[in-house]
């Protein structure tokens, strides 16, 4: 009797919010955050301070959680 080949669906990496109280990203690592006004931003931490491309985040508006950015899109090779 022959074997039946069943394609296995690749698992996508699980992205989850990481509380800032649990840990912060590495210095300079760009991550995804929601700030005080619920707008999504790419931000990074340097020496304990959060920054975006446009401004330094004020202490009262620092994010409560962050998420790594997804891997850049790459076309699948055949």
N, C-alpha and C. Protein backbone atom coordinates (compact mmCIF):
# COMPACT_ATOMS: atom_id res chain seq x y z
N UNK A 1 0.85 -1.19 0.00
CA UNK A 1 0.00 0.00 0.00
C UNK A 1 0.89 1.24 0.00
N UNK A 2 0.56 2.21 -0.87
CA UNK A 2 1.36 3.42 -0.97
C UNK A 2 1.02 4.42 0.14
N UNK A 3 1.97 5.30 0.40
CA UNK A 3 1.75 6.33 1.42
C UNK A 3 0.99 7.49 0.79
N UNK A 4 0.15 8.07 1.55
CA UNK A 4 -0.59 9.25 1.11
C UNK A 4 0.18 10.47 1.58
N UNK A 5 0.47 11.35 0.66
CA UNK A 5 1.21 12.56 1.02
C UNK A 5 0.21 13.68 1.30
N UNK A 6 0.27 14.21 2.50
CA UNK A 6 -0.62 15.30 2.89
C UNK A 6 0.24 16.54 3.11
N UNK A 7 -0.06 17.62 2.38
CA UNK A 7 0.74 18.83 2.58
C UNK A 7 0.54 19.38 3.99
N UNK A 8 1.61 19.82 4.57
CA UNK A 8 1.55 20.41 5.91
C UNK A 8 1.58 21.93 5.76
N UNK A 9 0.60 22.56 6.33
CA UNK A 9 0.54 24.02 6.27
C UNK A 9 1.61 24.60 7.19
N UNK A 10 2.38 25.53 6.66
CA UNK A 10 3.42 26.17 7.48
C UNK A 10 2.77 27.04 8.54
N UNK A 11 3.35 26.98 9.69
CA UNK A 11 2.85 27.84 10.77
C UNK A 11 3.46 29.22 10.65
N UNK A 12 2.63 30.21 10.79
CA UNK A 12 3.11 31.58 10.82
C UNK A 12 3.61 31.85 12.23
N UNK A 13 4.65 32.68 12.38
CA UNK A 13 5.11 32.99 13.73
C UNK A 13 4.01 33.70 14.51
N UNK A 14 3.90 33.37 15.76
CA UNK A 14 2.87 33.97 16.61
C UNK A 14 3.41 35.32 17.10
N UNK A 15 2.65 36.36 16.79
CA UNK A 15 3.04 37.68 17.27
C UNK A 15 2.16 38.02 18.46
N UNK A 16 2.79 38.48 19.52
CA UNK A 16 2.02 38.84 20.70
C UNK A 16 2.57 40.13 21.28
N UNK A 17 1.70 40.82 21.98
CA UNK A 17 2.12 42.04 22.66
C UNK A 17 2.94 41.64 23.88
N UNK A 18 4.06 42.31 24.08
CA UNK A 18 4.93 42.05 25.22
C UNK A 18 4.81 43.25 26.16
N UNK A 19 4.34 43.03 27.38
CA UNK A 19 4.21 44.16 28.31
C UNK A 19 5.59 44.78 28.60
N UNK A 20 5.63 46.09 28.64
CA UNK A 20 6.89 46.77 28.96
C UNK A 20 7.35 46.43 30.36
N UNK A 21 6.40 46.08 31.23
CA UNK A 21 6.78 45.69 32.59
C UNK A 21 7.49 44.33 32.61
N UNK A 22 7.27 43.52 31.56
CA UNK A 22 7.92 42.22 31.45
C UNK A 22 9.35 42.39 30.95
N UNK A 23 9.51 43.15 29.88
CA UNK A 23 10.84 43.48 29.34
C UNK A 23 10.69 44.51 28.24
N UNK A 24 11.79 45.20 27.96
CA UNK A 24 11.83 46.17 26.87
C UNK A 24 12.61 45.56 25.72
N UNK A 25 12.41 46.08 24.51
CA UNK A 25 13.21 45.59 23.38
C UNK A 25 14.67 46.02 23.57
N UNK A 26 15.55 45.41 22.81
CA UNK A 26 16.96 45.81 22.83
C UNK A 26 17.09 47.26 22.38
N UNK A 27 18.07 47.97 22.92
CA UNK A 27 18.30 49.36 22.51
C UNK A 27 18.42 49.45 20.99
N UNK A 28 17.66 50.36 20.40
CA UNK A 28 17.73 50.62 18.97
C UNK A 28 16.89 49.69 18.11
N UNK A 29 16.33 48.62 18.68
CA UNK A 29 15.49 47.69 17.90
C UNK A 29 14.15 48.35 17.61
N UNK A 30 13.79 48.48 16.34
CA UNK A 30 12.49 49.05 15.98
C UNK A 30 11.39 48.04 16.26
N UNK A 31 10.34 48.49 16.93
CA UNK A 31 9.21 47.64 17.29
C UNK A 31 7.91 48.38 17.02
N UNK A 32 6.81 47.67 17.11
CA UNK A 32 5.48 48.23 16.89
C UNK A 32 4.86 48.54 18.25
N UNK A 33 4.34 49.75 18.43
CA UNK A 33 3.69 50.14 19.68
C UNK A 33 2.42 50.94 19.37
N UNK A 34 1.51 50.99 20.33
CA UNK A 34 0.39 51.94 20.30
C UNK A 34 0.67 52.96 21.38
N UNK A 35 0.59 54.21 21.01
CA UNK A 35 0.84 55.25 21.99
C UNK A 35 -0.48 55.77 22.56
N UNK A 36 -0.41 56.79 23.37
CA UNK A 36 -1.55 57.31 24.12
C UNK A 36 -2.77 57.58 23.27
N UNK A 37 -2.60 57.98 22.02
CA UNK A 37 -3.76 58.32 21.20
C UNK A 37 -4.20 57.15 20.32
N UNK A 38 -3.73 55.96 20.65
CA UNK A 38 -4.10 54.71 19.96
C UNK A 38 -3.68 54.69 18.50
N UNK A 39 -2.74 55.54 18.14
CA UNK A 39 -2.19 55.49 16.79
C UNK A 39 -1.01 54.52 16.79
N UNK A 40 -0.92 53.68 15.77
CA UNK A 40 0.22 52.76 15.73
C UNK A 40 1.49 53.50 15.30
N UNK A 41 2.58 53.16 15.92
CA UNK A 41 3.87 53.77 15.60
C UNK A 41 4.94 52.70 15.59
N UNK A 42 5.96 52.95 14.78
CA UNK A 42 7.19 52.19 14.91
C UNK A 42 8.06 53.02 15.83
N UNK A 43 8.56 52.40 16.87
CA UNK A 43 9.33 53.13 17.87
C UNK A 43 10.51 52.28 18.31
N UNK A 44 11.40 52.89 19.06
CA UNK A 44 12.54 52.17 19.62
C UNK A 44 12.92 52.80 20.94
N UNK A 45 13.67 52.04 21.74
CA UNK A 45 14.14 52.50 23.03
C UNK A 45 15.63 52.76 22.92
N UNK A 46 16.07 53.86 23.48
CA UNK A 46 17.49 54.12 23.59
C UNK A 46 17.73 54.70 24.98
N UNK A 47 18.55 54.03 25.75
CA UNK A 47 18.88 54.45 27.12
C UNK A 47 17.63 54.69 27.97
N UNK A 48 16.63 53.81 27.82
CA UNK A 48 15.42 53.89 28.64
C UNK A 48 14.37 54.87 28.16
N UNK A 49 14.60 55.56 27.05
CA UNK A 49 13.62 56.51 26.51
C UNK A 49 13.10 56.01 25.18
N UNK A 50 11.78 56.14 24.97
CA UNK A 50 11.14 55.73 23.72
C UNK A 50 11.21 56.85 22.70
N UNK A 51 11.44 56.49 21.44
CA UNK A 51 11.50 57.45 20.34
C UNK A 51 10.71 56.92 19.15
N UNK A 52 10.17 57.85 18.36
CA UNK A 52 9.62 57.52 17.05
C UNK A 52 10.43 58.33 16.04
N UNK A 53 10.11 58.17 14.78
CA UNK A 53 10.82 58.93 13.76
C UNK A 53 10.62 60.43 13.96
N UNK A 54 9.47 60.82 14.51
CA UNK A 54 9.12 62.23 14.61
C UNK A 54 9.39 62.88 15.97
N UNK A 55 9.44 62.10 17.05
CA UNK A 55 9.54 62.73 18.36
C UNK A 55 10.00 61.75 19.43
N UNK A 56 10.46 62.33 20.54
CA UNK A 56 10.74 61.52 21.74
C UNK A 56 9.42 61.39 22.49
N UNK A 57 9.08 60.20 22.90
CA UNK A 57 7.82 59.95 23.59
C UNK A 57 7.94 60.44 25.02
N UNK A 58 6.98 61.26 25.42
CA UNK A 58 6.98 61.78 26.78
C UNK A 58 6.61 60.68 27.77
N UNK A 59 7.16 60.76 28.96
CA UNK A 59 6.98 59.71 29.97
C UNK A 59 5.51 59.35 30.21
N UNK A 60 4.64 60.34 30.26
CA UNK A 60 3.22 60.05 30.54
C UNK A 60 2.52 59.35 29.39
N UNK A 61 3.15 59.29 28.22
CA UNK A 61 2.55 58.65 27.05
C UNK A 61 3.28 57.40 26.60
N UNK A 62 4.23 56.93 27.41
CA UNK A 62 5.00 55.75 27.00
C UNK A 62 4.09 54.55 26.81
N UNK A 63 4.42 53.69 25.85
CA UNK A 63 3.59 52.51 25.60
C UNK A 63 3.61 51.55 26.77
N UNK A 64 2.53 50.81 26.91
CA UNK A 64 2.43 49.78 27.94
C UNK A 64 2.92 48.44 27.42
N UNK A 65 2.91 48.28 26.08
CA UNK A 65 3.32 47.01 25.48
C UNK A 65 3.90 47.28 24.09
N UNK A 66 4.66 46.30 23.59
CA UNK A 66 5.29 46.41 22.28
C UNK A 66 5.28 45.05 21.61
N UNK A 67 5.55 45.06 20.31
CA UNK A 67 5.55 43.83 19.52
C UNK A 67 6.66 43.92 18.48
N UNK A 68 7.42 42.85 18.28
CA UNK A 68 8.43 42.89 17.22
C UNK A 68 7.77 43.13 15.86
N UNK A 69 8.49 43.79 14.97
CA UNK A 69 7.98 43.98 13.61
C UNK A 69 8.03 42.65 12.87
N UNK A 70 7.10 42.43 11.95
CA UNK A 70 7.14 41.19 11.17
C UNK A 70 8.35 41.18 10.24
N UNK A 71 8.72 40.00 9.80
CA UNK A 71 9.79 39.87 8.82
C UNK A 71 9.36 40.54 7.52
N UNK A 72 10.31 41.15 6.79
CA UNK A 72 9.95 41.75 5.50
C UNK A 72 9.42 40.69 4.53
N UNK A 73 8.54 41.11 3.65
CA UNK A 73 7.96 40.21 2.66
C UNK A 73 9.03 39.74 1.68
N UNK A 74 9.03 38.45 1.39
CA UNK A 74 9.91 37.89 0.36
C UNK A 74 9.07 36.96 -0.49
N UNK A 75 9.23 37.08 -1.79
CA UNK A 75 8.50 36.17 -2.67
C UNK A 75 9.06 34.78 -2.51
N UNK A 76 8.17 33.78 -2.54
CA UNK A 76 8.61 32.40 -2.40
C UNK A 76 9.32 31.95 -3.67
N UNK A 77 10.39 31.22 -3.47
CA UNK A 77 11.13 30.69 -4.61
C UNK A 77 10.52 29.35 -5.01
N UNK A 78 10.50 29.09 -6.30
CA UNK A 78 9.92 27.83 -6.76
C UNK A 78 10.98 26.76 -6.87
